[in-house]
Amino acid sequence: MSLTLYRLEGCPYCELVVDRLDELDIEFESVWTEGLHSKRDEVKRVSGQRGVPVLVDDDRGITMAESERIVEYLDTTYAA
């Protein structure tokens, strides 16, 4: 499994996703982003926008933003 989460330190929406990943015992890689939207070039490159969190699921070819959508995706795809 290859999940990458683009996140910002102190971001409550990012922490919602991290908490759910931890609850589901899913391994993931964190990519820490810059605080300024204008500096988030890597996030824009992978997702087409500069907001975080962004989850990339390489195994399934999925890239998505917005914490609620990501948590719903994790529950649907990875919850036992």
N, C-alpha and C. Protein backbone atom coordinates (compact mmCIF):
# COMPACT_ATOMS: atom_id res chain seq x y z
N MET A 1 0.85 -1.17 0.00
CA MET A 1 0.00 0.00 0.00
C MET A 1 0.89 1.24 0.00
N SER A 2 0.51 2.19 -0.78
CA SER A 2 1.32 3.40 -0.87
C SER A 2 0.43 4.63 -0.78
N LEU A 3 0.27 5.13 0.45
CA LEU A 3 -0.52 6.34 0.67
C LEU A 3 0.40 7.48 1.08
N THR A 4 0.13 8.64 0.51
CA THR A 4 0.88 9.85 0.86
C THR A 4 -0.13 10.92 1.24
N LEU A 5 0.13 11.56 2.37
CA LEU A 5 -0.74 12.64 2.83
C LEU A 5 0.05 13.94 2.86
N TYR A 6 -0.40 14.88 2.06
CA TYR A 6 0.17 16.23 2.08
C TYR A 6 -0.57 16.98 3.18
N ARG A 7 0.21 17.52 4.12
CA ARG A 7 -0.40 18.13 5.30
C ARG A 7 0.40 19.31 5.79
N LEU A 8 -0.23 20.07 6.67
CA LEU A 8 0.36 21.28 7.23
C LEU A 8 0.33 21.14 8.74
N GLU A 9 1.43 21.44 9.38
CA GLU A 9 1.49 21.35 10.84
C GLU A 9 0.45 22.28 11.47
N GLY A 10 -0.30 21.74 12.42
CA GLY A 10 -1.31 22.53 13.11
C GLY A 10 -2.65 22.64 12.39
N CYS A 11 -2.77 21.99 11.25
CA CYS A 11 -4.01 22.05 10.47
C CYS A 11 -5.02 21.06 11.04
N PRO A 12 -6.16 21.54 11.56
CA PRO A 12 -7.13 20.62 12.17
C PRO A 12 -7.76 19.66 11.16
N TYR A 13 -7.90 20.07 9.92
CA TYR A 13 -8.45 19.19 8.89
C TYR A 13 -7.48 18.07 8.56
N CYS A 14 -6.20 18.39 8.55
CA CYS A 14 -5.18 17.37 8.33
C CYS A 14 -5.17 16.37 9.48
N GLU A 15 -5.33 16.88 10.69
CA GLU A 15 -5.31 15.99 11.86
C GLU A 15 -6.51 15.05 11.88
N LEU A 16 -7.65 15.47 11.37
CA LEU A 16 -8.80 14.58 11.25
C LEU A 16 -8.44 13.37 10.39
N VAL A 17 -7.76 13.63 9.29
CA VAL A 17 -7.36 12.54 8.38
C VAL A 17 -6.32 11.66 9.05
N VAL A 18 -5.33 12.25 9.70
CA VAL A 18 -4.29 11.49 10.39
C VAL A 18 -4.91 10.61 11.47
N ASP A 19 -5.84 11.16 12.23
CA ASP A 19 -6.51 10.38 13.28
C ASP A 19 -7.21 9.17 12.69
N ARG A 20 -7.89 9.35 11.56
CA ARG A 20 -8.60 8.21 10.95
C ARG A 20 -7.62 7.19 10.40
N LEU A 21 -6.55 7.64 9.78
CA LEU A 21 -5.52 6.71 9.30
C LEU A 21 -4.97 5.89 10.46
N ASP A 22 -4.71 6.54 11.58
CA ASP A 22 -4.19 5.84 12.76
C ASP A 22 -5.22 4.86 13.31
N GLU A 23 -6.49 5.27 13.38
CA GLU A 23 -7.55 4.38 13.87
C GLU A 23 -7.67 3.13 13.02
N LEU A 24 -7.49 3.29 11.71
CA LEU A 24 -7.58 2.15 10.80
C LEU A 24 -6.26 1.39 10.68
N ASP A 25 -5.23 1.86 11.40
CA ASP A 25 -3.90 1.25 11.38
C ASP A 25 -3.34 1.17 9.96
N ILE A 26 -3.44 2.28 9.25
CA ILE A 26 -2.96 2.37 7.87
C ILE A 26 -1.64 3.13 7.86
N GLU A 27 -0.64 2.52 7.25
CA GLU A 27 0.65 3.19 7.11
C GLU A 27 0.56 4.21 5.99
N PHE A 28 1.21 5.35 6.20
CA PHE A 28 1.20 6.40 5.19
C PHE A 28 2.46 7.24 5.35
N GLU A 29 2.77 7.94 4.30
CA GLU A 29 3.90 8.88 4.31
C GLU A 29 3.33 10.29 4.41
N SER A 30 3.91 11.09 5.28
CA SER A 30 3.52 12.50 5.39
C SER A 30 4.48 13.36 4.58
N VAL A 31 3.90 14.28 3.83
CA VAL A 31 4.69 15.30 3.15
C VAL A 31 4.23 16.62 3.75
N TRP A 32 5.13 17.26 4.48
CA TRP A 32 4.82 18.53 5.15
C TRP A 32 4.90 19.66 4.16
N THR A 33 3.87 20.49 4.13
CA THR A 33 3.80 21.58 3.17
C THR A 33 4.10 22.92 3.84
N GLU A 34 4.32 23.89 3.00
CA GLU A 34 4.57 25.26 3.46
C GLU A 34 3.27 25.90 3.95
N GLY A 35 3.39 26.82 4.88
CA GLY A 35 2.23 27.52 5.41
C GLY A 35 1.56 28.42 4.38
N LEU A 36 2.34 29.06 3.56
CA LEU A 36 1.78 29.98 2.55
C LEU A 36 1.29 29.21 1.34
N HIS A 37 0.04 29.47 0.94
CA HIS A 37 -0.52 28.81 -0.23
C HIS A 37 0.37 28.98 -1.45
N SER A 38 0.94 30.16 -1.60
CA SER A 38 1.74 30.45 -2.79
C SER A 38 3.02 29.62 -2.86
N LYS A 39 3.41 28.97 -1.75
CA LYS A 39 4.62 28.16 -1.71
C LYS A 39 4.33 26.66 -1.87
N ARG A 40 3.07 26.29 -2.02
CA ARG A 40 2.70 24.86 -2.07
C ARG A 40 2.69 24.32 -3.50
N ASP A 41 3.82 24.47 -4.18
CA ASP A 41 3.91 24.04 -5.57
C ASP A 41 3.77 22.53 -5.72
N GLU A 42 4.32 21.76 -4.78
CA GLU A 42 4.23 20.30 -4.89
C GLU A 42 2.78 19.83 -4.74
N VAL A 43 2.04 20.45 -3.83
CA VAL A 43 0.63 20.09 -3.66
C VAL A 43 -0.13 20.41 -4.94
N LYS A 44 0.13 21.57 -5.54
CA LYS A 44 -0.55 21.95 -6.79
C LYS A 44 -0.18 20.98 -7.90
N ARG A 45 1.06 20.54 -7.94
CA ARG A 45 1.50 19.62 -8.98
C ARG A 45 0.73 18.30 -8.90
N VAL A 46 0.52 17.77 -7.70
CA VAL A 46 -0.14 16.46 -7.58
C VAL A 46 -1.66 16.54 -7.59
N SER A 47 -2.23 17.70 -7.15
CA SER A 47 -3.69 17.74 -7.00
C SER A 47 -4.39 18.82 -7.82
N GLY A 48 -3.63 19.73 -8.40
CA GLY A 48 -4.25 20.80 -9.17
C GLY A 48 -4.72 21.98 -8.33
N GLN A 49 -4.50 21.91 -7.02
CA GLN A 49 -4.87 23.01 -6.12
C GLN A 49 -3.86 23.06 -4.98
N ARG A 50 -3.93 24.08 -4.17
CA ARG A 50 -2.90 24.28 -3.15
C ARG A 50 -3.38 24.01 -1.72
N GLY A 51 -4.64 23.64 -1.54
CA GLY A 51 -5.16 23.37 -0.20
C GLY A 51 -4.73 22.00 0.32
N VAL A 52 -4.70 21.88 1.63
CA VAL A 52 -4.41 20.60 2.28
C VAL A 52 -5.54 20.31 3.27
N PRO A 53 -5.77 19.06 3.59
CA PRO A 53 -4.99 17.88 3.23
C PRO A 53 -5.29 17.40 1.81
N VAL A 54 -4.30 16.68 1.27
CA VAL A 54 -4.46 15.97 0.00
C VAL A 54 -3.93 14.56 0.23
N LEU A 55 -4.73 13.57 -0.15
CA LEU A 55 -4.32 12.18 -0.05
C LEU A 55 -4.06 11.64 -1.44
N VAL A 56 -2.92 10.95 -1.60
CA VAL A 56 -2.60 10.27 -2.85
C VAL A 56 -2.50 8.79 -2.54
N ASP A 57 -3.33 8.00 -3.21
CA ASP A 57 -3.33 6.55 -3.07
C ASP A 57 -2.79 5.99 -4.39
N ASP A 58 -1.48 5.75 -4.43
CA ASP A 58 -0.83 5.29 -5.66
C ASP A 58 -1.36 3.95 -6.13
N ASP A 59 -1.67 3.06 -5.19
CA ASP A 59 -2.14 1.72 -5.57
C ASP A 59 -3.46 1.76 -6.33
N ARG A 60 -4.29 2.74 -6.02
CA ARG A 60 -5.61 2.82 -6.66
C ARG A 60 -5.72 3.98 -7.65
N GLY A 61 -4.64 4.74 -7.81
CA GLY A 61 -4.65 5.85 -8.76
C GLY A 61 -5.59 6.98 -8.36
N ILE A 62 -5.71 7.22 -7.04
CA ILE A 62 -6.64 8.22 -6.52
C ILE A 62 -5.86 9.37 -5.89
N THR A 63 -6.27 10.59 -6.21
CA THR A 63 -5.78 11.79 -5.53
C THR A 63 -7.01 12.60 -5.15
N MET A 64 -7.09 12.98 -3.87
CA MET A 64 -8.25 13.74 -3.44
C MET A 64 -7.91 14.72 -2.33
N ALA A 65 -8.73 15.75 -2.25
CA ALA A 65 -8.60 16.78 -1.21
C ALA A 65 -9.86 16.77 -0.36
N GLU A 66 -9.88 17.61 0.65
CA GLU A 66 -10.99 17.82 1.58
C GLU A 66 -11.08 16.67 2.58
N SER A 67 -10.90 17.01 3.84
CA SER A 67 -10.81 16.00 4.90
C SER A 67 -12.01 15.08 4.98
N GLU A 68 -13.22 15.61 4.86
CA GLU A 68 -14.41 14.76 4.96
C GLU A 68 -14.46 13.73 3.84
N ARG A 69 -14.12 14.13 2.64
CA ARG A 69 -14.09 13.20 1.51
C ARG A 69 -13.01 12.15 1.72
N ILE A 70 -11.86 12.57 2.22
CA ILE A 70 -10.76 11.63 2.43
C ILE A 70 -11.14 10.60 3.49
N VAL A 71 -11.72 11.04 4.60
CA VAL A 71 -12.12 10.11 5.66
C VAL A 71 -13.18 9.14 5.13
N GLU A 72 -14.13 9.64 4.36
CA GLU A 72 -15.15 8.76 3.77
C GLU A 72 -14.50 7.74 2.85
N TYR A 73 -13.55 8.17 2.04
CA TYR A 73 -12.82 7.26 1.14
C TYR A 73 -12.07 6.19 1.95
N LEU A 74 -11.39 6.59 3.00
CA LEU A 74 -10.65 5.63 3.83
C LEU A 74 -11.61 4.61 4.44
N ASP A 75 -12.75 5.07 4.94
CA ASP A 75 -13.73 4.17 5.54
C ASP A 75 -14.28 3.19 4.50
N THR A 76 -14.58 3.69 3.33
CA THR A 76 -15.14 2.85 2.27
C THR A 76 -14.11 1.86 1.72
N THR A 77 -12.88 2.29 1.61
CA THR A 77 -11.86 1.50 0.93
C THR A 77 -11.06 0.61 1.88
N TYR A 78 -10.78 1.07 3.10
CA TYR A 78 -9.84 0.37 3.97
C TYR A 78 -10.42 -0.17 5.27
N ALA A 79 -11.60 0.26 5.67
CA ALA A 79 -12.16 -0.24 6.93
C ALA A 79 -12.57 -1.70 6.76
N ALA A 80 -12.28 -2.50 7.77
CA ALA A 80 -12.57 -3.94 7.66
C ALA A 80 -14.02 -4.24 7.92
